[in-house]
Amino acid sequence: MMLRQDQQIVAGLVPAGARVLDVGCNTGELLAWLAANKGVDARGLEISQDGVNACVRKGLSVVQGDADTDLADYPDQAFDVAILSQTLQATYEPKTVLQQLARIGKRVIVSFPNFGHWRTRYGLLVHGRMPVNPSLPHTWFETPNIHLCTIKDFLDLCADLDLQVVHGAMLNPQQQLLKGVATQLRLANLLAAQAVFAVQAKPSRLPT
């Protein structure tokens, strides 16, 4: 089973044997890989019944549910890692979703397309149309994305929620890792097509 590059980065941030909740797990490729290769206690939440069915066929413990409404039912610190892979931008309440995940997971791994990439900015400026590219493959009237953000926007949200960033990785449109000076925030916000961040609640904000 081959994972996308962003999924490989996410998988590399998950400790072996961890209790994992993958929110928006789609058809379960990442979750199945983690169960098979890292021995995690793999659980999933997926809004699509077709996605849930595909996960169940893989032998995964996945329930149908909506990240916007159902995360409140999970207890505090129930998981070592909560994953939100290419899903944040498709939620109605991304701030609430991230806040809930930081409550129920000791660490949260989030990946998303970066709307601040220079080609996206250029396309809007020159052509005046919403971008369609490998990171944003849907036309504006078909896209599931309703709250697109930039890397700066995401980091501002983390600061607002008092979450600390413990790891960050950015990918260019060719799915290659940005390195060196290109990882500095200003350049990364221009050059990265996708971003992966691991965040967690600061000790003072953890539930008691």
N, C-alpha and C. Protein backbone atom coordinates (compact mmCIF):
# COMPACT_ATOMS: atom_id res chain seq x y z
N MET A 1 0.84 -1.19 0.00
CA MET A 1 0.00 0.00 0.00
C MET A 1 0.88 1.25 0.00
N MET A 2 0.73 2.08 -1.02
CA MET A 2 1.53 3.29 -1.13
C MET A 2 0.75 4.48 -0.59
N LEU A 3 1.36 5.20 0.34
CA LEU A 3 0.76 6.41 0.88
C LEU A 3 1.22 7.62 0.10
N ARG A 4 0.36 8.64 0.02
CA ARG A 4 0.79 9.92 -0.52
C ARG A 4 1.92 10.48 0.35
N GLN A 5 2.68 11.41 -0.21
CA GLN A 5 3.81 11.96 0.53
C GLN A 5 3.36 12.63 1.83
N ASP A 6 2.26 13.37 1.78
CA ASP A 6 1.79 14.02 3.01
C ASP A 6 1.35 12.97 4.04
N GLN A 7 0.77 11.86 3.56
CA GLN A 7 0.39 10.80 4.49
C GLN A 7 1.63 10.12 5.08
N GLN A 8 2.68 9.99 4.29
CA GLN A 8 3.92 9.42 4.81
C GLN A 8 4.49 10.28 5.94
N ILE A 9 4.39 11.59 5.79
CA ILE A 9 4.88 12.49 6.84
C ILE A 9 4.02 12.32 8.09
N VAL A 10 2.71 12.28 7.90
CA VAL A 10 1.81 12.07 9.04
C VAL A 10 2.16 10.76 9.74
N ALA A 11 2.30 9.69 8.96
CA ALA A 11 2.60 8.38 9.53
C ALA A 11 3.91 8.39 10.31
N GLY A 12 4.89 9.15 9.82
CA GLY A 12 6.17 9.22 10.51
C GLY A 12 6.10 9.91 11.85
N LEU A 13 5.04 10.69 12.07
CA LEU A 13 4.88 11.40 13.34
C LEU A 13 4.08 10.62 14.37
N VAL A 14 3.59 9.45 13.99
CA VAL A 14 2.77 8.63 14.89
C VAL A 14 3.65 7.58 15.57
N PRO A 15 3.71 7.57 16.90
CA PRO A 15 4.53 6.55 17.59
C PRO A 15 3.93 5.15 17.44
N ALA A 16 4.78 4.15 17.44
CA ALA A 16 4.33 2.77 17.39
C ALA A 16 3.47 2.47 18.61
N GLY A 17 2.39 1.73 18.38
CA GLY A 17 1.52 1.31 19.48
C GLY A 17 0.62 2.39 20.03
N ALA A 18 0.57 3.55 19.40
CA ALA A 18 -0.23 4.66 19.91
C ALA A 18 -1.72 4.40 19.72
N ARG A 19 -2.52 5.04 20.55
CA ARG A 19 -3.97 5.07 20.35
C ARG A 19 -4.26 6.21 19.39
N VAL A 20 -4.83 5.90 18.24
CA VAL A 20 -4.96 6.87 17.16
C VAL A 20 -6.42 7.02 16.74
N LEU A 21 -6.85 8.26 16.59
CA LEU A 21 -8.15 8.57 16.00
C LEU A 21 -7.90 9.37 14.73
N ASP A 22 -8.35 8.82 13.59
CA ASP A 22 -8.22 9.50 12.30
C ASP A 22 -9.58 10.07 11.94
N VAL A 23 -9.68 11.39 11.96
CA VAL A 23 -10.95 12.07 11.70
C VAL A 23 -11.00 12.46 10.22
N GLY A 24 -12.05 12.01 9.55
CA GLY A 24 -12.11 12.20 8.11
C GLY A 24 -11.18 11.22 7.42
N CYS A 25 -11.26 9.96 7.83
CA CYS A 25 -10.29 8.95 7.38
C CYS A 25 -10.55 8.44 5.98
N ASN A 26 -11.64 8.92 5.34
CA ASN A 26 -11.96 8.55 3.96
C ASN A 26 -12.09 7.03 3.84
N THR A 27 -11.33 6.39 2.98
CA THR A 27 -11.45 4.94 2.81
C THR A 27 -10.42 4.16 3.62
N GLY A 28 -9.67 4.85 4.49
CA GLY A 28 -8.87 4.17 5.50
C GLY A 28 -7.46 3.76 5.13
N GLU A 29 -6.91 4.30 4.02
CA GLU A 29 -5.56 3.88 3.61
C GLU A 29 -4.53 4.20 4.69
N LEU A 30 -4.55 5.43 5.21
CA LEU A 30 -3.57 5.81 6.23
C LEU A 30 -3.76 5.01 7.51
N LEU A 31 -5.00 4.88 7.93
CA LEU A 31 -5.28 4.16 9.17
C LEU A 31 -4.88 2.69 9.05
N ALA A 32 -5.16 2.08 7.91
CA ALA A 32 -4.78 0.67 7.70
C ALA A 32 -3.26 0.52 7.71
N TRP A 33 -2.55 1.47 7.09
CA TRP A 33 -1.09 1.41 7.08
C TRP A 33 -0.55 1.51 8.50
N LEU A 34 -1.10 2.41 9.29
CA LEU A 34 -0.63 2.58 10.67
C LEU A 34 -0.89 1.32 11.50
N ALA A 35 -2.05 0.70 11.29
CA ALA A 35 -2.36 -0.53 12.02
C ALA A 35 -1.41 -1.66 11.63
N ALA A 36 -1.12 -1.76 10.34
CA ALA A 36 -0.30 -2.86 9.84
C ALA A 36 1.18 -2.66 10.14
N ASN A 37 1.66 -1.42 10.09
CA ASN A 37 3.10 -1.16 10.18
C ASN A 37 3.57 -0.58 11.51
N LYS A 38 2.65 -0.02 12.27
CA LYS A 38 3.05 0.56 13.55
C LYS A 38 2.26 -0.01 14.73
N GLY A 39 1.39 -0.94 14.46
CA GLY A 39 0.66 -1.60 15.54
C GLY A 39 -0.17 -0.67 16.38
N VAL A 40 -0.73 0.36 15.77
CA VAL A 40 -1.51 1.32 16.55
C VAL A 40 -2.90 0.75 16.85
N ASP A 41 -3.50 1.28 17.91
CA ASP A 41 -4.91 1.03 18.19
C ASP A 41 -5.68 2.02 17.33
N ALA A 42 -6.13 1.57 16.15
CA ALA A 42 -6.62 2.47 15.10
C ALA A 42 -8.13 2.62 15.17
N ARG A 43 -8.58 3.86 15.31
CA ARG A 43 -10.00 4.19 15.28
C ARG A 43 -10.22 5.31 14.27
N GLY A 44 -11.40 5.35 13.69
CA GLY A 44 -11.66 6.38 12.70
C GLY A 44 -13.06 6.95 12.80
N LEU A 45 -13.19 8.18 12.31
CA LEU A 45 -14.49 8.86 12.20
C LEU A 45 -14.59 9.38 10.77
N GLU A 46 -15.64 8.98 10.06
CA GLU A 46 -15.79 9.34 8.64
C GLU A 46 -17.24 9.68 8.35
N ILE A 47 -17.46 10.78 7.65
CA ILE A 47 -18.82 11.26 7.40
C ILE A 47 -19.51 10.48 6.29
N SER A 48 -18.74 9.92 5.36
CA SER A 48 -19.31 9.22 4.20
C SER A 48 -19.57 7.76 4.54
N GLN A 49 -20.79 7.29 4.26
CA GLN A 49 -21.09 5.89 4.49
C GLN A 49 -20.26 5.00 3.59
N ASP A 50 -20.02 5.43 2.35
CA ASP A 50 -19.16 4.65 1.45
C ASP A 50 -17.75 4.53 2.02
N GLY A 51 -17.25 5.61 2.59
CA GLY A 51 -15.94 5.57 3.22
C GLY A 51 -15.90 4.63 4.41
N VAL A 52 -16.93 4.69 5.24
CA VAL A 52 -17.01 3.78 6.39
C VAL A 52 -17.03 2.34 5.92
N ASN A 53 -17.83 2.06 4.90
CA ASN A 53 -17.91 0.68 4.39
C ASN A 53 -16.55 0.19 3.89
N ALA A 54 -15.82 1.07 3.18
CA ALA A 54 -14.49 0.69 2.69
C ALA A 54 -13.54 0.42 3.84
N CYS A 55 -13.63 1.21 4.90
CA CYS A 55 -12.78 1.00 6.08
C CYS A 55 -13.11 -0.32 6.77
N VAL A 56 -14.39 -0.60 6.91
CA VAL A 56 -14.81 -1.84 7.57
C VAL A 56 -14.32 -3.05 6.77
N ARG A 57 -14.36 -2.95 5.44
CA ARG A 57 -13.85 -4.04 4.62
C ARG A 57 -12.36 -4.27 4.85
N LYS A 58 -11.65 -3.23 5.28
CA LYS A 58 -10.22 -3.36 5.60
C LYS A 58 -10.01 -3.86 7.02
N GLY A 59 -11.10 -4.10 7.74
CA GLY A 59 -10.99 -4.58 9.11
C GLY A 59 -10.76 -3.48 10.12
N LEU A 60 -11.06 -2.23 9.76
CA LEU A 60 -10.81 -1.08 10.64
C LEU A 60 -12.04 -0.76 11.49
N SER A 61 -11.78 -0.23 12.67
CA SER A 61 -12.84 0.21 13.57
C SER A 61 -13.16 1.68 13.28
N VAL A 62 -14.11 1.89 12.40
CA VAL A 62 -14.47 3.23 11.95
C VAL A 62 -15.97 3.42 12.07
N VAL A 63 -16.39 4.57 12.60
CA VAL A 63 -17.81 4.87 12.73
C VAL A 63 -18.16 6.06 11.85
N GLN A 64 -19.41 6.12 11.45
CA GLN A 64 -19.86 7.27 10.68
C GLN A 64 -20.16 8.42 11.63
N GLY A 65 -19.64 9.58 11.30
CA GLY A 65 -19.87 10.74 12.15
C GLY A 65 -19.34 11.99 11.51
N ASP A 66 -19.71 13.11 12.09
CA ASP A 66 -19.38 14.43 11.58
C ASP A 66 -18.43 15.12 12.55
N ALA A 67 -17.26 15.52 12.06
CA ALA A 67 -16.27 16.18 12.93
C ALA A 67 -16.83 17.45 13.54
N ASP A 68 -17.72 18.12 12.84
CA ASP A 68 -18.26 19.38 13.35
C ASP A 68 -19.16 19.19 14.56
N THR A 69 -19.76 18.01 14.70
CA THR A 69 -20.74 17.84 15.77
C THR A 69 -20.43 16.69 16.74
N ASP A 70 -19.68 15.69 16.29
CA ASP A 70 -19.56 14.46 17.08
C ASP A 70 -18.31 14.34 17.94
N LEU A 71 -17.34 15.23 17.75
CA LEU A 71 -16.12 15.13 18.56
C LEU A 71 -16.38 15.44 20.03
N ALA A 72 -17.42 16.20 20.30
CA ALA A 72 -17.74 16.54 21.69
C ALA A 72 -18.08 15.31 22.52
N ASP A 73 -18.43 14.20 21.86
CA ASP A 73 -18.80 12.98 22.58
C ASP A 73 -17.59 12.20 23.08
N TYR A 74 -16.40 12.53 22.61
CA TYR A 74 -15.19 11.80 23.02
C TYR A 74 -14.64 12.37 24.33
N PRO A 75 -14.14 11.52 25.23
CA PRO A 75 -13.58 12.02 26.49
C PRO A 75 -12.22 12.69 26.31
N ASP A 76 -11.85 13.48 27.31
CA ASP A 76 -10.56 14.16 27.30
C ASP A 76 -9.41 13.16 27.22
N GLN A 77 -8.39 13.51 26.41
CA GLN A 77 -7.14 12.74 26.33
C GLN A 77 -7.39 11.25 26.06
N ALA A 78 -8.39 10.96 25.24
CA ALA A 78 -8.74 9.56 24.95
C ALA A 78 -7.75 8.92 24.00
N PHE A 79 -7.00 9.73 23.25
CA PHE A 79 -6.08 9.21 22.24
C PHE A 79 -4.71 9.84 22.39
N ASP A 80 -3.69 9.07 22.02
CA ASP A 80 -2.34 9.63 21.99
C ASP A 80 -2.19 10.59 20.82
N VAL A 81 -2.81 10.24 19.69
CA VAL A 81 -2.70 11.05 18.48
C VAL A 81 -4.07 11.16 17.81
N ALA A 82 -4.45 12.36 17.47
CA ALA A 82 -5.64 12.60 16.64
C ALA A 82 -5.16 13.16 15.31
N ILE A 83 -5.64 12.58 14.22
CA ILE A 83 -5.20 12.96 12.88
C ILE A 83 -6.35 13.64 12.14
N LEU A 84 -6.03 14.75 11.49
CA LEU A 84 -6.98 15.45 10.63
C LEU A 84 -6.26 15.70 9.31
N SER A 85 -6.34 14.70 8.42
CA SER A 85 -5.56 14.71 7.19
C SER A 85 -6.41 15.21 6.02
N GLN A 86 -6.05 16.39 5.49
CA GLN A 86 -6.76 16.97 4.35
C GLN A 86 -8.26 17.09 4.63
N THR A 87 -8.60 17.44 5.87
CA THR A 87 -10.01 17.51 6.28
C THR A 87 -10.38 18.85 6.90
N LEU A 88 -9.42 19.53 7.52
CA LEU A 88 -9.72 20.78 8.24
C LEU A 88 -10.49 21.76 7.36
N GLN A 89 -10.07 21.91 6.11
CA GLN A 89 -10.67 22.90 5.22
C GLN A 89 -12.08 22.51 4.77
N ALA A 90 -12.47 21.26 5.03
CA ALA A 90 -13.81 20.81 4.63
C ALA A 90 -14.80 20.86 5.79
N THR A 91 -14.37 21.33 6.97
CA THR A 91 -15.27 21.41 8.11
C THR A 91 -15.95 22.77 8.15
N TYR A 92 -17.13 22.80 8.77
CA TYR A 92 -17.86 24.06 8.91
C TYR A 92 -17.28 24.93 10.02
N GLU A 93 -16.76 24.29 11.06
CA GLU A 93 -16.24 25.01 12.23
C GLU A 93 -14.81 24.56 12.51
N PRO A 94 -13.83 24.94 11.66
CA PRO A 94 -12.47 24.44 11.84
C PRO A 94 -11.85 24.80 13.19
N LYS A 95 -12.17 25.97 13.72
CA LYS A 95 -11.61 26.35 15.02
C LYS A 95 -12.11 25.41 16.11
N THR A 96 -13.40 25.14 16.12
CA THR A 96 -13.97 24.23 17.12
C THR A 96 -13.45 22.82 16.95
N VAL A 97 -13.32 22.38 15.70
CA VAL A 97 -12.81 21.03 15.43
C VAL A 97 -11.39 20.88 15.96
N LEU A 98 -10.53 21.85 15.68
CA LEU A 98 -9.15 21.77 16.16
C LEU A 98 -9.10 21.84 17.68
N GLN A 99 -9.93 22.67 18.27
CA GLN A 99 -9.98 22.78 19.73
C GLN A 99 -10.41 21.45 20.36
N GLN A 100 -11.41 20.82 19.77
CA GLN A 100 -11.88 19.53 20.29
C GLN A 100 -10.80 18.46 20.15
N LEU A 101 -10.11 18.44 19.00
CA LEU A 101 -9.07 17.44 18.81
C LEU A 101 -7.93 17.61 19.80
N ALA A 102 -7.58 18.86 20.11
CA ALA A 102 -6.53 19.11 21.09
C ALA A 102 -6.97 18.71 22.50
N ARG A 103 -8.26 18.60 22.70
CA ARG A 103 -8.79 18.13 23.99
C ARG A 103 -8.76 16.61 24.07
N ILE A 104 -9.14 15.93 22.99
CA ILE A 104 -9.26 14.48 23.07
C ILE A 104 -7.98 13.75 22.68
N GLY A 105 -7.04 14.45 22.03
CA GLY A 105 -5.77 13.85 21.65
C GLY A 105 -4.61 14.54 22.34
N LYS A 106 -3.64 13.77 22.80
CA LYS A 106 -2.46 14.38 23.41
C LYS A 106 -1.66 15.15 22.36
N ARG A 107 -1.74 14.71 21.11
CA ARG A 107 -1.09 15.42 20.01
C ARG A 107 -2.03 15.36 18.80
N VAL A 108 -2.06 16.43 18.04
CA VAL A 108 -2.91 16.51 16.85
C VAL A 108 -2.03 16.72 15.63
N ILE A 109 -2.22 15.91 14.61
CA ILE A 109 -1.49 16.05 13.36
C ILE A 109 -2.48 16.51 12.28
N VAL A 110 -2.19 17.65 11.69
CA VAL A 110 -3.10 18.26 10.72
C VAL A 110 -2.36 18.47 9.41
N SER A 111 -2.98 18.08 8.30
CA SER A 111 -2.43 18.40 6.98
C SER A 111 -3.51 19.12 6.18
N PHE A 112 -3.08 20.05 5.33
CA PHE A 112 -4.05 20.83 4.56
C PHE A 112 -3.36 21.47 3.36
N PRO A 113 -4.13 21.80 2.31
CA PRO A 113 -3.56 22.54 1.19
C PRO A 113 -3.35 24.00 1.58
N ASN A 114 -2.25 24.57 1.13
CA ASN A 114 -1.91 25.96 1.47
C ASN A 114 -2.43 26.90 0.39
N PHE A 115 -3.43 27.68 0.75
CA PHE A 115 -4.04 28.60 -0.22
C PHE A 115 -3.15 29.82 -0.48
N GLY A 116 -2.05 29.93 0.28
CA GLY A 116 -1.13 31.04 0.07
C GLY A 116 -0.04 30.76 -0.94
N HIS A 117 -0.04 29.56 -1.56
CA HIS A 117 0.99 29.23 -2.54
C HIS A 117 1.00 30.24 -3.68
N TRP A 118 2.18 30.54 -4.19
CA TRP A 118 2.30 31.64 -5.16
C TRP A 118 1.51 31.39 -6.43
N ARG A 119 1.39 30.13 -6.87
CA ARG A 119 0.62 29.85 -8.08
C ARG A 119 -0.87 30.15 -7.87
N THR A 120 -1.35 29.87 -6.67
CA THR A 120 -2.74 30.19 -6.35
C THR A 120 -2.96 31.69 -6.37
N ARG A 121 -2.04 32.43 -5.76
CA ARG A 121 -2.15 33.89 -5.77
C ARG A 121 -2.07 34.44 -7.19
N TYR A 122 -1.14 33.90 -7.95
CA TYR A 122 -0.94 34.36 -9.34
C TYR A 122 -2.19 34.08 -10.17
N GLY A 123 -2.75 32.87 -10.01
CA GLY A 123 -3.93 32.51 -10.78
C GLY A 123 -5.11 33.41 -10.49
N LEU A 124 -5.29 33.73 -9.21
CA LEU A 124 -6.38 34.62 -8.84
C LEU A 124 -6.14 36.03 -9.39
N LEU A 125 -4.90 36.49 -9.31
CA LEU A 125 -4.57 37.84 -9.76
C LEU A 125 -4.72 37.98 -11.27
N VAL A 126 -4.17 37.01 -12.01
CA VAL A 126 -4.11 37.14 -13.47
C VAL A 126 -5.40 36.65 -14.13
N HIS A 127 -5.91 35.48 -13.68
CA HIS A 127 -7.05 34.88 -14.35
C HIS A 127 -8.38 35.18 -13.66
N GLY A 128 -8.31 35.55 -12.38
CA GLY A 128 -9.54 35.88 -11.67
C GLY A 128 -10.45 34.71 -11.42
N ARG A 129 -9.88 33.50 -11.38
CA ARG A 129 -10.68 32.30 -11.14
C ARG A 129 -10.11 31.51 -9.97
N MET A 130 -10.97 30.76 -9.31
CA MET A 130 -10.52 29.88 -8.25
C MET A 130 -9.60 28.81 -8.84
N PRO A 131 -8.50 28.50 -8.13
CA PRO A 131 -7.50 27.59 -8.69
C PRO A 131 -7.97 26.14 -8.75
N VAL A 132 -7.49 25.43 -9.76
CA VAL A 132 -7.63 23.97 -9.85
C VAL A 132 -6.24 23.43 -10.11
N ASN A 133 -5.73 22.63 -9.18
CA ASN A 133 -4.38 22.09 -9.28
C ASN A 133 -4.30 20.80 -8.48
N PRO A 134 -3.16 20.10 -8.45
CA PRO A 134 -3.11 18.83 -7.73
C PRO A 134 -3.48 18.93 -6.24
N SER A 135 -3.17 20.07 -5.60
CA SER A 135 -3.53 20.22 -4.18
C SER A 135 -4.98 20.64 -4.00
N LEU A 136 -5.53 21.32 -5.00
CA LEU A 136 -6.92 21.77 -4.98
C LEU A 136 -7.57 21.30 -6.28
N PRO A 137 -7.91 20.01 -6.37
CA PRO A 137 -8.27 19.42 -7.66
C PRO A 137 -9.70 19.67 -8.12
N HIS A 138 -10.53 20.28 -7.28
CA HIS A 138 -11.94 20.41 -7.63
C HIS A 138 -12.26 21.82 -8.12
N THR A 139 -13.21 21.91 -9.04
CA THR A 139 -13.72 23.23 -9.42
C THR A 139 -14.50 23.82 -8.25
N TRP A 140 -14.68 25.13 -8.28
CA TRP A 140 -15.27 25.82 -7.12
C TRP A 140 -16.67 25.32 -6.78
N PHE A 141 -17.43 24.85 -7.80
CA PHE A 141 -18.80 24.42 -7.53
C PHE A 141 -18.90 22.95 -7.15
N GLU A 142 -17.77 22.23 -7.18
CA GLU A 142 -17.76 20.82 -6.79
C GLU A 142 -16.92 20.56 -5.55
N THR A 143 -16.14 21.53 -5.13
CA THR A 143 -15.17 21.28 -4.07
C THR A 143 -15.83 21.03 -2.71
N PRO A 144 -15.29 20.10 -1.93
CA PRO A 144 -15.74 19.94 -0.54
C PRO A 144 -15.12 20.97 0.39
N ASN A 145 -14.14 21.73 -0.12
CA ASN A 145 -13.43 22.70 0.72
C ASN A 145 -14.27 23.95 0.90
N ILE A 146 -14.53 24.29 2.16
CA ILE A 146 -15.34 25.47 2.44
C ILE A 146 -14.60 26.50 3.29
N HIS A 147 -13.48 26.11 3.89
CA HIS A 147 -12.70 27.04 4.70
C HIS A 147 -11.21 26.88 4.38
N LEU A 148 -10.83 27.24 3.16
CA LEU A 148 -9.42 27.19 2.78
C LEU A 148 -8.63 28.21 3.59
N CYS A 149 -7.37 27.87 3.87
CA CYS A 149 -6.54 28.77 4.66
C CYS A 149 -5.10 28.71 4.16
N THR A 150 -4.30 29.65 4.63
CA THR A 150 -2.87 29.65 4.36
C THR A 150 -2.14 29.09 5.58
N ILE A 151 -0.84 28.86 5.42
CA ILE A 151 -0.04 28.42 6.56
C ILE A 151 -0.08 29.46 7.67
N LYS A 152 0.02 30.73 7.30
CA LYS A 152 -0.05 31.80 8.30
C LYS A 152 -1.38 31.78 9.03
N ASP A 153 -2.47 31.57 8.29
CA ASP A 153 -3.78 31.50 8.92
C ASP A 153 -3.84 30.38 9.95
N PHE A 154 -3.31 29.22 9.58
CA PHE A 154 -3.35 28.07 10.50
C PHE A 154 -2.54 28.35 11.75
N LEU A 155 -1.36 28.92 11.59
CA LEU A 155 -0.52 29.21 12.76
C LEU A 155 -1.16 30.28 13.64
N ASP A 156 -1.85 31.23 13.04
CA ASP A 156 -2.59 32.22 13.83
C ASP A 156 -3.69 31.54 14.64
N LEU A 157 -4.37 30.57 14.03
CA LEU A 157 -5.41 29.83 14.74
C LEU A 157 -4.82 29.05 15.90
N CYS A 158 -3.68 28.41 15.69
CA CYS A 158 -3.02 27.68 16.78
C CYS A 158 -2.68 28.63 17.94
N ALA A 159 -2.17 29.80 17.61
CA ALA A 159 -1.84 30.79 18.65
C ALA A 159 -3.10 31.21 19.40
N ASP A 160 -4.19 31.40 18.66
CA ASP A 160 -5.45 31.81 19.27
C ASP A 160 -5.97 30.74 20.23
N LEU A 161 -5.73 29.47 19.89
CA LEU A 161 -6.17 28.36 20.73
C LEU A 161 -5.12 27.96 21.77
N ASP A 162 -4.02 28.69 21.81
CA ASP A 162 -2.93 28.42 22.74
C ASP A 162 -2.35 27.01 22.54
N LEU A 163 -2.19 26.63 21.27
CA LEU A 163 -1.58 25.35 20.92
C LEU A 163 -0.15 25.58 20.49
N GLN A 164 0.74 24.71 20.90
CA GLN A 164 2.14 24.83 20.50
C GLN A 164 2.43 23.89 19.33
N VAL A 165 3.18 24.38 18.37
CA VAL A 165 3.57 23.59 17.21
C VAL A 165 4.83 22.81 17.57
N VAL A 166 4.77 21.50 17.45
CA VAL A 166 5.93 20.67 17.79
C VAL A 166 6.63 20.13 16.55
N HIS A 167 5.97 20.22 15.40
CA HIS A 167 6.61 19.79 14.16
C HIS A 167 5.87 20.42 12.98
N GLY A 168 6.62 20.80 11.97
CA GLY A 168 6.03 21.32 10.76
C GLY A 168 6.79 20.85 9.54
N ALA A 169 6.07 20.48 8.50
CA ALA A 169 6.69 20.06 7.23
C ALA A 169 5.85 20.63 6.10
N MET A 170 6.52 21.12 5.08
CA MET A 170 5.85 21.73 3.93
C MET A 170 6.28 21.02 2.65
N LEU A 171 5.33 20.87 1.73
CA LEU A 171 5.58 20.18 0.47
C LEU A 171 5.34 21.13 -0.70
N ASN A 172 6.20 21.04 -1.71
CA ASN A 172 5.98 21.83 -2.92
C ASN A 172 4.98 21.10 -3.82
N PRO A 173 4.58 21.68 -4.96
CA PRO A 173 3.59 21.01 -5.81
C PRO A 173 4.02 19.64 -6.33
N GLN A 174 5.32 19.37 -6.34
CA GLN A 174 5.82 18.07 -6.77
C GLN A 174 5.91 17.07 -5.61
N GLN A 175 5.32 17.43 -4.48
CA GLN A 175 5.30 16.57 -3.29
C GLN A 175 6.69 16.37 -2.71
N GLN A 176 7.57 17.35 -2.90
CA GLN A 176 8.90 17.29 -2.31
C GLN A 176 8.95 18.19 -1.08
N LEU A 177 9.70 17.73 -0.08
CA LEU A 177 9.82 18.51 1.15
C LEU A 177 10.60 19.80 0.91
N LEU A 178 10.09 20.90 1.43
CA LEU A 178 10.86 22.14 1.44
C LEU A 178 11.92 22.04 2.52
N LYS A 179 13.11 22.53 2.21
CA LYS A 179 14.21 22.45 3.17
C LYS A 179 14.92 23.79 3.27
N GLY A 180 15.72 23.92 4.32
CA GLY A 180 16.55 25.10 4.50
C GLY A 180 15.75 26.38 4.62
N VAL A 181 16.21 27.41 3.92
CA VAL A 181 15.60 28.73 4.04
C VAL A 181 14.16 28.73 3.57
N ALA A 182 13.80 27.79 2.69
CA ALA A 182 12.43 27.73 2.17
C ALA A 182 11.40 27.39 3.24
N THR A 183 11.85 26.88 4.39
CA THR A 183 10.92 26.54 5.46
C THR A 183 10.61 27.73 6.35
N GLN A 184 11.31 28.84 6.17
CA GLN A 184 10.97 30.03 6.94
C GLN A 184 9.56 30.47 6.59
N LEU A 185 8.83 30.97 7.57
CA LEU A 185 7.40 31.16 7.43
C LEU A 185 7.01 31.95 6.18
N ARG A 186 7.67 33.08 5.94
CA ARG A 186 7.27 33.91 4.81
C ARG A 186 7.44 33.16 3.48
N LEU A 187 8.57 32.47 3.32
CA LEU A 187 8.80 31.73 2.09
C LEU A 187 7.93 30.48 2.01
N ALA A 188 7.78 29.78 3.12
CA ALA A 188 6.95 28.57 3.12
C ALA A 188 5.52 28.90 2.72
N ASN A 189 5.02 30.04 3.17
CA ASN A 189 3.66 30.42 2.83
C ASN A 189 3.50 30.71 1.34
N LEU A 190 4.61 31.03 0.67
CA LEU A 190 4.61 31.25 -0.78
C LEU A 190 4.89 29.99 -1.58
N LEU A 191 5.77 29.13 -1.05
CA LEU A 191 6.30 28.02 -1.84
C LEU A 191 5.62 26.68 -1.56
N ALA A 192 4.97 26.54 -0.41
CA ALA A 192 4.38 25.25 -0.05
C ALA A 192 2.99 25.10 -0.66
N ALA A 193 2.77 23.96 -1.29
CA ALA A 193 1.43 23.63 -1.78
C ALA A 193 0.61 22.93 -0.70
N GLN A 194 1.30 22.20 0.20
CA GLN A 194 0.63 21.52 1.30
C GLN A 194 1.48 21.67 2.55
N ALA A 195 0.83 21.55 3.70
CA ALA A 195 1.54 21.64 4.97
C ALA A 195 1.06 20.54 5.91
N VAL A 196 1.98 20.09 6.76
CA VAL A 196 1.66 19.12 7.79
C VAL A 196 2.21 19.66 9.10
N PHE A 197 1.35 19.76 10.11
CA PHE A 197 1.78 20.25 11.42
C PHE A 197 1.33 19.29 12.51
N ALA A 198 2.19 19.12 13.51
CA ALA A 198 1.83 18.44 14.74
C ALA A 198 1.74 19.49 15.83
N VAL A 199 0.60 19.55 16.51
CA VAL A 199 0.38 20.55 17.55
C VAL A 199 -0.15 19.86 18.80
N GLN A 200 -0.03 20.55 19.90
CA GLN A 200 -0.57 20.02 21.14
C GLN A 200 -0.89 21.16 22.08
N ALA A 201 -1.77 20.88 23.03
CA ALA A 201 -2.13 21.89 24.02
C ALA A 201 -0.93 22.18 24.91
N LYS A 202 -0.75 23.45 25.25
CA LYS A 202 0.30 23.79 26.20
C LYS A 202 -0.06 23.22 27.57
N PRO A 203 0.94 22.86 28.38
CA PRO A 203 0.66 22.19 29.67
C PRO A 203 -0.37 22.92 30.53
N SER A 204 -0.36 24.23 30.49
CA SER A 204 -1.29 24.99 31.30
C SER A 204 -2.74 24.86 30.84
N ARG A 205 -2.94 24.38 29.58
CA ARG A 205 -4.28 24.28 29.02
C ARG A 205 -4.82 22.86 29.03
N LEU A 206 -4.03 21.89 29.52
CA LEU A 206 -4.49 20.50 29.53
C LEU A 206 -5.61 20.31 30.55
N PRO A 207 -6.60 19.45 30.24
CA PRO A 207 -7.68 19.19 31.20
C PRO A 207 -7.14 18.57 32.48
N THR A 208 -7.75 18.92 33.60
CA THR A 208 -7.33 18.36 34.89
C THR A 208 -8.37 17.39 35.40
